[in-house]
Amino acid sequence: MRLSEEGVVPLTGEARSGYVIGITIFINEDGGLGLFENGLRQNILFLYRLFAAAPGCARVYLLNHGDGQVQIDPAAYGVRAEDIVRTQDVADQLDLVLLAGAAMDRETALGLRDRGCRLFAYKGGNGAVISMEAMIARPPRGDAERYFDHDLFSAVLLTPQHWRTFRGWCETLYRCPVREVPQIWSPLLIETARPQVRAGFGYQPGARPWRIGVMEPNITVMKTSHMPMLVCEAAYRAQPQALAAVYVTNGLAHAGSAHFTSFANSLSAVQAGVMTFEPRFVGVEFIAAHCDAVVTHHWENGLNYLYYEVLCGGYPLVHNSELLRDYGYYYDAFDAEAGARALLRAHCDHDAALASYREAATELIDRLNPRSSAMIRIHEALLDLG
């Protein structure tokens, strides 16, 4: 997919006057950025690129609150190595900080605020659902949010997929305005993938039958494989000749549980050997090598970087996200039979509609571009910089 450059602000390393912003990031003990561990780490990269391209921004730092020091050259991702720092090394320069990719201890946050630095919480995940899951988990989960920073922020920014379930939670807890921030994305990690991955990435018409990818992480109730498996099961029962394989990634780790084994073994596609359970993969690499289409499902989490990767490659995206209802092949809520009809409609019609499908996807991804002047203006306004 070739993106339009209209309205895109170029990245620059030149010295400029304006505000200085820091964005928290967690550098792993091994020195890696962990960009394929979760979408939030990619989100930090896109935020960096947005402010690096903003004419009003003098400098953007990635504030490392992780266990390690960066050991890779981040230039391939448009990041200057000298911009990855510890907060204490640049504290006197910062005008505002987005706490996005790592928590900051209260003492450091109070020190910044006392210097006149404004603090904003950027919530790319749904702390409400994660907190509820943590409360009932046995054994207890350790990844739920801590609220020692409940009174420190000028505002909280929420991405749209969490607005309905997390807004009220944040308004009461954080005692400050809560604002909806648009999701940002670019195909940067596709463009910087290994050459053989780039060469194989992109939908190829004419394949019959299809290989289906199910790629939910299976670590939260918001995104599990249950519904995509049922969608593929219903499609297989209706037209078994349409499906060559259904690969359930992130499923192998659960194959030993009594629940998952019982659920899977009840499905005709599993009994026939068409649906199989696989380990975790890097999404773009798996799609390029093994997929003709991707079937997804969410509960109150309707935007996902996986969706954009699938659409960017021209692959059929079978999904239930009302936020992307006009893209891919939509089915309603928890209706597996409707999902099966959407999948089979895609199997029948996608090749003929491929040109218009790609055009619509390009339009969407252009709007998400973090370097666009429109996105820069929106983010600056949300941070009271406009």
Protein backbone atom coordinates (compact mmCIF):
# COMPACT_ATOMS: atom_id res chain seq x y z
CA MET A 1 0.00 0.00 0.00
CA ARG A 2 1.35 3.43 -0.95
CA LEU A 3 0.30 6.20 1.38
CA SER A 4 -0.50 9.72 0.30
CA GLU A 5 2.10 12.30 1.38
CA GLU A 6 -0.38 15.18 1.27
CA GLY A 7 -0.54 16.99 4.57
CA VAL A 8 2.36 15.01 6.07
CA VAL A 9 4.93 16.96 8.07
CA PRO A 10 8.49 15.72 7.47
CA LEU A 11 10.61 14.49 10.37
CA THR A 12 13.47 16.77 11.18
CA GLY A 13 16.47 16.71 13.47
CA GLU A 14 17.09 20.45 13.21
CA ALA A 15 17.08 22.62 16.32
CA ARG A 16 13.75 24.39 16.77
CA SER A 17 12.09 26.63 19.29
CA GLY A 18 8.94 25.47 21.05
CA TYR A 19 7.83 23.03 23.72
CA VAL A 20 9.80 20.02 24.96
CA ILE A 21 7.81 16.84 25.57
CA GLY A 22 8.72 13.55 27.16
CA ILE A 23 6.92 10.25 26.57
CA THR A 24 7.53 7.41 29.02
CA ILE A 25 8.78 4.12 27.63
CA PHE A 26 9.89 0.83 29.14
CA ILE A 27 13.21 -0.49 27.82
CA ASN A 28 13.53 -4.21 28.49
CA GLU A 29 16.42 -5.67 30.45
CA ASP A 30 17.81 -7.04 27.17
CA GLY A 31 17.96 -3.50 25.75
CA GLY A 32 15.21 -4.04 23.18
CA LEU A 33 12.19 -1.86 22.48
CA GLY A 34 9.83 -4.85 22.58
CA LEU A 35 7.77 -3.49 19.71
CA PHE A 36 6.08 -6.82 19.05
CA GLU A 37 5.14 -7.52 22.66
CA ASN A 38 2.01 -5.38 22.58
CA GLY A 39 0.36 -2.55 20.70
CA LEU A 40 1.14 0.06 23.35
CA ARG A 41 4.87 -0.15 22.65
CA GLN A 42 4.16 0.58 18.99
CA ASN A 43 1.84 3.40 20.06
CA ILE A 44 4.78 5.05 21.87
CA LEU A 45 6.82 4.89 18.69
CA PHE A 46 4.03 6.57 16.72
CA LEU A 47 3.62 9.27 19.36
CA TYR A 48 7.34 9.99 19.18
CA ARG A 49 7.14 10.35 15.40
CA LEU A 50 4.12 12.62 15.71
CA PHE A 51 5.83 15.11 18.02
CA ALA A 52 9.15 14.84 16.18
CA ALA A 53 7.29 16.07 13.10
CA ALA A 54 5.36 18.80 14.93
CA PRO A 55 6.63 22.28 13.95
CA GLY A 56 5.82 23.58 17.43
CA CYS A 57 7.89 20.94 19.21
CA ALA A 58 11.50 21.80 20.00
CA ARG A 59 12.41 18.32 21.26
CA VAL A 60 10.75 15.03 22.05
CA TYR A 61 12.33 12.57 24.46
CA LEU A 62 11.51 8.96 25.20
CA LEU A 63 11.83 8.74 28.98
CA ASN A 64 13.12 5.29 29.88
CA HIS A 65 11.60 3.93 33.08
CA GLY A 66 12.48 0.34 32.27
CA ASP A 67 15.01 -2.18 33.53
CA GLY A 68 17.61 -1.77 30.78
CA GLN A 69 19.38 0.66 28.49
CA VAL A 70 18.66 0.62 24.78
CA GLN A 71 21.07 -1.70 22.98
CA ILE A 72 19.84 -1.34 19.42
CA ASP A 73 20.08 1.45 16.88
CA PRO A 74 16.54 2.83 16.73
CA ALA A 75 17.21 4.90 13.61
CA ALA A 76 15.34 2.41 11.40
CA TYR A 77 12.17 3.41 13.27
CA GLY A 78 12.83 7.13 12.95
CA VAL A 79 14.07 7.50 16.53
CA ARG A 80 17.29 9.28 17.42
CA ALA A 81 19.29 7.29 19.94
CA GLU A 82 20.10 10.46 21.87
CA ASP A 83 16.38 11.04 22.45
CA ILE A 84 16.09 7.92 24.65
CA VAL A 85 17.05 9.16 28.10
CA ARG A 86 16.39 8.78 31.80
CA THR A 87 13.94 11.34 33.15
CA GLN A 88 16.35 12.77 35.70
CA ASP A 89 18.81 13.66 32.92
CA VAL A 90 16.38 16.03 31.16
CA ALA A 91 13.94 16.95 33.95
CA ASP A 92 14.82 20.67 33.80
CA GLN A 93 14.03 20.82 30.07
CA LEU A 94 10.57 19.24 30.06
CA ASP A 95 7.43 21.30 29.55
CA LEU A 96 5.06 18.35 29.56
CA VAL A 97 5.18 14.58 29.93
CA LEU A 98 2.90 11.89 28.53
CA LEU A 99 2.89 8.93 30.90
CA ALA A 100 2.12 6.33 28.28
CA GLY A 101 4.53 3.43 28.02
CA ALA A 102 5.76 3.13 31.60
CA ALA A 103 4.71 4.22 35.06
CA MET A 104 6.63 6.92 36.89
CA ASP A 105 7.17 6.89 40.65
CA ARG A 106 5.29 9.53 42.58
CA GLU A 107 8.39 11.32 43.83
CA THR A 108 9.72 11.86 40.30
CA ALA A 109 6.31 12.96 39.04
CA LEU A 110 5.90 15.46 41.89
CA GLY A 111 9.39 16.80 41.22
CA LEU A 112 8.50 17.43 37.58
CA ARG A 113 5.24 19.10 38.50
CA ASP A 114 6.97 21.33 41.04
CA ARG A 115 9.28 22.52 38.23
CA GLY A 116 6.20 23.57 36.21
CA CYS A 117 6.04 20.50 33.97
CA ARG A 118 2.49 19.41 33.13
CA LEU A 119 1.71 15.68 33.35
CA PHE A 120 -0.79 13.84 31.14
CA ALA A 121 -1.85 10.21 31.37
CA TYR A 122 -2.16 8.48 27.99
CA LYS A 123 -4.28 5.35 28.29
CA GLY A 124 -3.80 3.02 25.33
CA GLY A 125 -5.16 0.05 27.29
CA ASN A 126 -8.32 -0.48 29.32
CA GLY A 127 -7.27 -0.26 32.96
CA ALA A 128 -10.87 -0.77 34.10
CA VAL A 129 -11.23 -4.23 32.56
CA ILE A 130 -7.69 -5.23 33.50
CA SER A 131 -8.34 -4.16 37.09
CA MET A 132 -11.57 -6.18 37.23
CA GLU A 133 -9.77 -9.22 35.82
CA ALA A 134 -6.96 -8.79 38.35
CA MET A 135 -9.39 -8.72 41.26
CA ILE A 136 -10.99 -12.07 40.43
CA ALA A 137 -7.93 -13.88 39.05
CA ARG A 138 -6.62 -16.88 40.97
CA PRO A 139 -3.71 -16.79 41.47
CA PRO A 140 -3.74 -12.96 41.58
CA ARG A 141 -2.45 -11.05 38.56
CA GLY A 142 0.29 -8.50 39.05
CA ASP A 143 -0.27 -6.38 35.95
CA ALA A 144 -3.22 -4.27 37.07
CA GLU A 145 -2.75 -0.52 37.36
CA ARG A 146 -1.59 1.20 40.54
CA TYR A 147 -3.27 4.48 41.40
CA PHE A 148 -0.60 6.31 43.41
CA ASP A 149 -0.69 8.99 40.67
CA HIS A 150 -4.44 9.63 40.96
CA ASP A 151 -4.07 13.37 41.67
CA LEU A 152 -1.14 14.35 39.45
CA PHE A 153 -2.48 14.83 35.93
CA SER A 154 -3.66 17.85 33.98
CA ALA A 155 -5.80 15.52 31.87
CA VAL A 156 -6.22 11.87 30.92
CA LEU A 157 -6.23 10.90 27.24
CA LEU A 158 -8.20 7.81 26.21
CA THR A 159 -8.14 6.10 22.82
CA PRO A 160 -11.64 5.62 21.31
CA GLN A 161 -12.05 1.88 21.85
CA HIS A 162 -11.96 2.35 25.63
CA TRP A 163 -14.09 5.49 25.88
CA ARG A 164 -17.35 3.82 26.88
CA THR A 165 -15.99 1.50 29.57
CA PHE A 166 -13.03 3.48 30.94
CA ARG A 167 -14.06 7.16 30.76
CA GLY A 168 -16.18 7.30 33.92
CA TRP A 169 -13.61 5.24 35.82
CA CYS A 170 -10.88 7.75 34.94
CA GLU A 171 -12.99 10.85 35.60
CA THR A 172 -13.68 9.78 39.17
CA LEU A 173 -10.28 8.32 39.98
CA TYR A 174 -8.04 10.97 38.46
CA ARG A 175 -10.04 14.11 39.35
CA CYS A 176 -9.24 15.84 36.06
CA PRO A 177 -10.62 16.19 32.50
CA VAL A 178 -10.74 13.02 30.39
CA ARG A 179 -10.33 13.55 26.65
CA GLU A 180 -10.69 11.24 23.68
CA VAL A 181 -7.51 11.01 21.62
CA PRO A 182 -7.59 9.50 18.12
CA GLN A 183 -5.70 6.30 17.50
CA ILE A 184 -2.59 6.68 15.34
CA TRP A 185 -0.83 4.12 13.18
CA SER A 186 1.45 3.79 10.19
CA PRO A 187 2.83 0.77 8.30
CA LEU A 188 6.32 1.51 9.63
CA LEU A 189 6.81 -1.98 11.08
CA ILE A 190 5.74 -3.54 7.80
CA GLU A 191 8.15 -1.32 5.88
CA THR A 192 11.02 -2.22 8.25
CA ALA A 193 10.31 -5.97 8.35
CA ARG A 194 12.80 -8.47 6.97
CA PRO A 195 12.97 -8.45 3.14
CA GLN A 196 11.43 -11.90 2.79
CA VAL A 197 8.51 -10.80 4.95
CA ARG A 198 7.94 -7.66 2.90
CA ALA A 199 8.13 -9.70 -0.29
CA GLY A 200 5.44 -12.10 0.91
CA PHE A 201 3.14 -9.55 2.53
CA GLY A 202 -0.03 -8.67 0.66
CA TYR A 203 -3.18 -10.48 -0.38
CA GLN A 204 -2.85 -12.63 -3.51
CA PRO A 205 -6.11 -13.22 -5.40
CA GLY A 206 -7.03 -16.61 -6.74
CA ALA A 207 -6.36 -18.79 -3.71
CA ARG A 208 -9.03 -21.47 -3.25
CA PRO A 209 -9.59 -22.68 -0.56
CA TRP A 210 -8.42 -20.13 2.03
CA ARG A 211 -6.06 -20.29 4.98
CA ILE A 212 -7.56 -18.38 7.91
CA GLY A 213 -5.60 -16.71 10.70
CA VAL A 214 -7.08 -16.28 14.19
CA MET A 215 -4.67 -14.08 16.13
CA GLU A 216 -6.31 -12.98 19.38
CA PRO A 217 -3.84 -12.78 22.30
CA ASN A 218 -5.95 -14.86 24.74
CA ILE A 219 -4.77 -12.92 27.79
CA THR A 220 -7.87 -10.80 28.45
CA VAL A 221 -11.63 -11.23 28.07
CA MET A 222 -11.53 -8.35 25.60
CA LYS A 223 -9.79 -10.46 22.94
CA THR A 224 -10.00 -14.26 22.96
CA SER A 225 -10.16 -16.90 20.25
CA HIS A 226 -13.57 -18.29 21.20
CA MET A 227 -15.73 -16.31 18.78
CA PRO A 228 -13.34 -16.43 15.80
CA MET A 229 -13.16 -20.20 16.25
CA LEU A 230 -16.96 -20.39 16.25
CA VAL A 231 -17.14 -18.15 13.18
CA CYS A 232 -14.74 -20.45 11.33
CA GLU A 233 -16.59 -23.51 12.61
CA ALA A 234 -19.92 -22.22 11.27
CA ALA A 235 -18.31 -21.35 7.93
CA TYR A 236 -16.69 -24.79 7.74
CA ARG A 237 -20.00 -26.54 8.39
CA ALA A 238 -21.69 -24.47 5.68
CA GLN A 239 -18.94 -24.74 3.06
CA PRO A 240 -16.12 -27.07 4.10
CA GLN A 241 -14.48 -26.71 0.71
CA ALA A 242 -13.88 -22.98 1.35
CA LEU A 243 -11.36 -23.47 4.16
CA ALA A 244 -7.99 -25.15 3.74
CA ALA A 245 -6.80 -24.37 7.28
CA VAL A 246 -7.67 -22.33 10.34
CA TYR A 247 -4.60 -21.43 12.40
CA VAL A 248 -5.40 -20.36 15.96
CA THR A 249 -2.25 -18.57 17.10
CA ASN A 250 -1.68 -17.93 20.81
CA GLY A 251 -3.73 -21.10 21.29
CA LEU A 252 -1.10 -23.76 21.85
CA ALA A 253 -0.38 -22.55 25.38
CA HIS A 254 -4.02 -23.22 26.31
CA ALA A 255 -4.31 -26.62 24.64
CA GLY A 256 -3.72 -28.43 27.93
CA SER A 257 -6.53 -26.77 29.86
CA ALA A 258 -9.72 -28.76 30.43
CA HIS A 259 -11.90 -25.85 29.29
CA PHE A 260 -10.07 -25.13 26.06
CA THR A 261 -9.64 -28.79 25.16
CA SER A 262 -13.34 -29.43 25.65
CA PHE A 263 -14.30 -26.34 23.67
CA ALA A 264 -11.95 -27.12 20.79
CA ASN A 265 -12.80 -30.81 20.57
CA SER A 266 -16.48 -30.00 20.18
CA LEU A 267 -15.79 -28.32 16.81
CA SER A 268 -16.07 -30.17 13.51
CA ALA A 269 -13.16 -28.21 12.03
CA VAL A 270 -10.89 -29.41 14.83
CA GLN A 271 -12.06 -33.00 14.48
CA ALA A 272 -11.30 -32.81 10.74
CA GLY A 273 -7.81 -31.42 11.36
CA VAL A 274 -8.62 -28.16 9.56
CA MET A 275 -8.40 -26.01 12.70
CA THR A 276 -5.09 -26.25 14.54
CA PHE A 277 -3.48 -24.49 17.51
CA GLU A 278 -0.24 -22.61 17.15
CA PRO A 279 2.22 -20.66 19.34
CA ARG A 280 2.68 -16.91 19.32
CA PHE A 281 4.04 -15.17 16.21
CA VAL A 282 4.88 -11.67 15.03
CA GLY A 283 1.64 -10.69 13.33
CA VAL A 284 2.95 -9.36 10.01
CA GLU A 285 5.29 -12.31 9.59
CA PHE A 286 2.54 -14.83 10.25
CA ILE A 287 0.07 -13.13 7.93
CA ALA A 288 2.62 -12.93 5.13
CA ALA A 289 3.51 -16.62 5.36
CA HIS A 290 0.27 -18.33 6.30
CA CYS A 291 -2.91 -16.30 5.76
CA ASP A 292 -5.40 -15.51 3.04
CA ALA A 293 -7.81 -13.90 5.51
CA VAL A 294 -8.01 -13.04 9.22
CA VAL A 295 -11.02 -13.53 11.51
CA THR A 296 -11.18 -11.48 14.70
CA HIS A 297 -13.44 -10.67 17.62
CA HIS A 298 -13.38 -8.14 20.43
CA TRP A 299 -15.43 -7.16 23.45
CA GLU A 300 -15.28 -3.40 24.13
CA ASN A 301 -11.92 -3.12 22.34
CA GLY A 302 -12.82 -2.27 18.79
CA LEU A 303 -9.55 -0.78 17.53
CA ASN A 304 -6.46 -2.91 17.16
CA TYR A 305 -3.21 -2.49 15.26
CA LEU A 306 -3.70 -6.00 13.88
CA TYR A 307 -6.76 -4.75 12.01
CA TYR A 308 -4.73 -2.07 10.26
CA GLU A 309 -2.00 -4.52 9.31
CA VAL A 310 -4.57 -6.82 7.72
CA LEU A 311 -6.30 -3.97 5.87
CA CYS A 312 -2.96 -2.50 4.77
CA GLY A 313 -2.09 -5.79 3.11
CA GLY A 314 -5.44 -5.98 1.32
CA TYR A 315 -6.37 -9.15 3.21
CA PRO A 316 -10.02 -9.78 4.10
CA LEU A 317 -10.62 -8.69 7.69
CA VAL A 318 -13.66 -10.39 9.20
CA HIS A 319 -14.47 -8.49 12.39
CA ASN A 320 -17.14 -7.19 14.76
CA SER A 321 -15.76 -3.70 15.41
CA GLU A 322 -18.45 -1.05 15.05
CA LEU A 323 -15.67 1.55 14.95
CA LEU A 324 -14.51 0.02 11.64
CA ARG A 325 -17.90 -1.01 10.34
CA ASP A 326 -17.22 0.52 6.90
CA TYR A 327 -14.00 -1.47 6.41
CA GLY A 328 -13.38 -5.16 5.94
CA TYR A 329 -16.27 -7.62 6.44
CA TYR A 330 -18.31 -6.71 9.50
CA TYR A 331 -20.49 -8.98 11.59
CA ASP A 332 -22.52 -8.03 14.63
CA ALA A 333 -21.44 -8.44 18.25
CA PHE A 334 -21.32 -12.11 19.35
CA ASP A 335 -23.13 -13.60 16.34
CA ALA A 336 -20.95 -16.45 15.04
CA GLU A 337 -23.37 -17.38 12.28
CA ALA A 338 -23.30 -13.79 10.99
CA GLY A 339 -19.52 -13.93 11.16
CA ALA A 340 -19.53 -17.10 9.09
CA ARG A 341 -21.72 -15.42 6.47
CA ALA A 342 -19.31 -12.47 6.37
CA LEU A 343 -16.34 -14.83 5.94
CA LEU A 344 -18.02 -16.77 3.14
CA ARG A 345 -19.11 -13.52 1.45
CA ALA A 346 -15.50 -12.39 1.53
CA HIS A 347 -14.39 -15.72 0.08
CA CYS A 348 -16.85 -15.27 -2.78
CA ASP A 349 -16.48 -11.55 -3.49
CA HIS A 350 -13.10 -10.32 -2.29
CA ASP A 351 -11.06 -10.83 -5.45
CA ALA A 352 -13.53 -8.88 -7.57
CA ALA A 353 -13.72 -6.07 -5.00
CA LEU A 354 -9.99 -5.94 -4.25
CA ALA A 355 -9.28 -2.58 -5.92
CA SER A 356 -12.03 -0.73 -4.04
CA TYR A 357 -11.13 -2.59 -0.82
CA ARG A 358 -7.53 -1.38 -1.06
CA GLU A 359 -8.67 2.15 -1.86
CA ALA A 360 -10.86 2.29 1.24
CA ALA A 361 -8.06 0.89 3.40
CA THR A 362 -5.61 3.47 2.07
CA GLU A 363 -8.04 6.25 2.95
CA LEU A 364 -8.36 4.94 6.50
CA ILE A 365 -4.62 4.50 7.04
CA ASP A 366 -3.86 7.94 5.64
CA ARG A 367 -6.18 9.39 8.31
CA LEU A 368 -4.31 7.49 11.04
CA ASN A 369 -0.90 8.79 9.95
CA PRO A 370 0.84 10.24 13.03
CA ARG A 371 2.85 12.64 10.89
CA SER A 372 -0.15 14.28 9.24
CA SER A 373 -0.68 17.93 10.03
CA ALA A 374 -4.25 17.14 11.11
CA MET A 375 -3.13 14.57 13.68
CA ILE A 376 -0.45 16.91 15.01
CA ARG A 377 -2.99 19.71 15.49
CA ILE A 378 -5.44 17.41 17.28
CA HIS A 379 -2.84 16.09 19.71
CA GLU A 380 -1.47 19.54 20.45
CA ALA A 381 -4.98 20.82 21.16
CA LEU A 382 -5.67 17.91 23.52
CA LEU A 383 -2.50 18.81 25.43
CA ASP A 384 -3.51 22.50 25.59
CA LEU A 385 -0.74 23.42 23.17
CA GLY A 386 -3.00 24.75 20.44
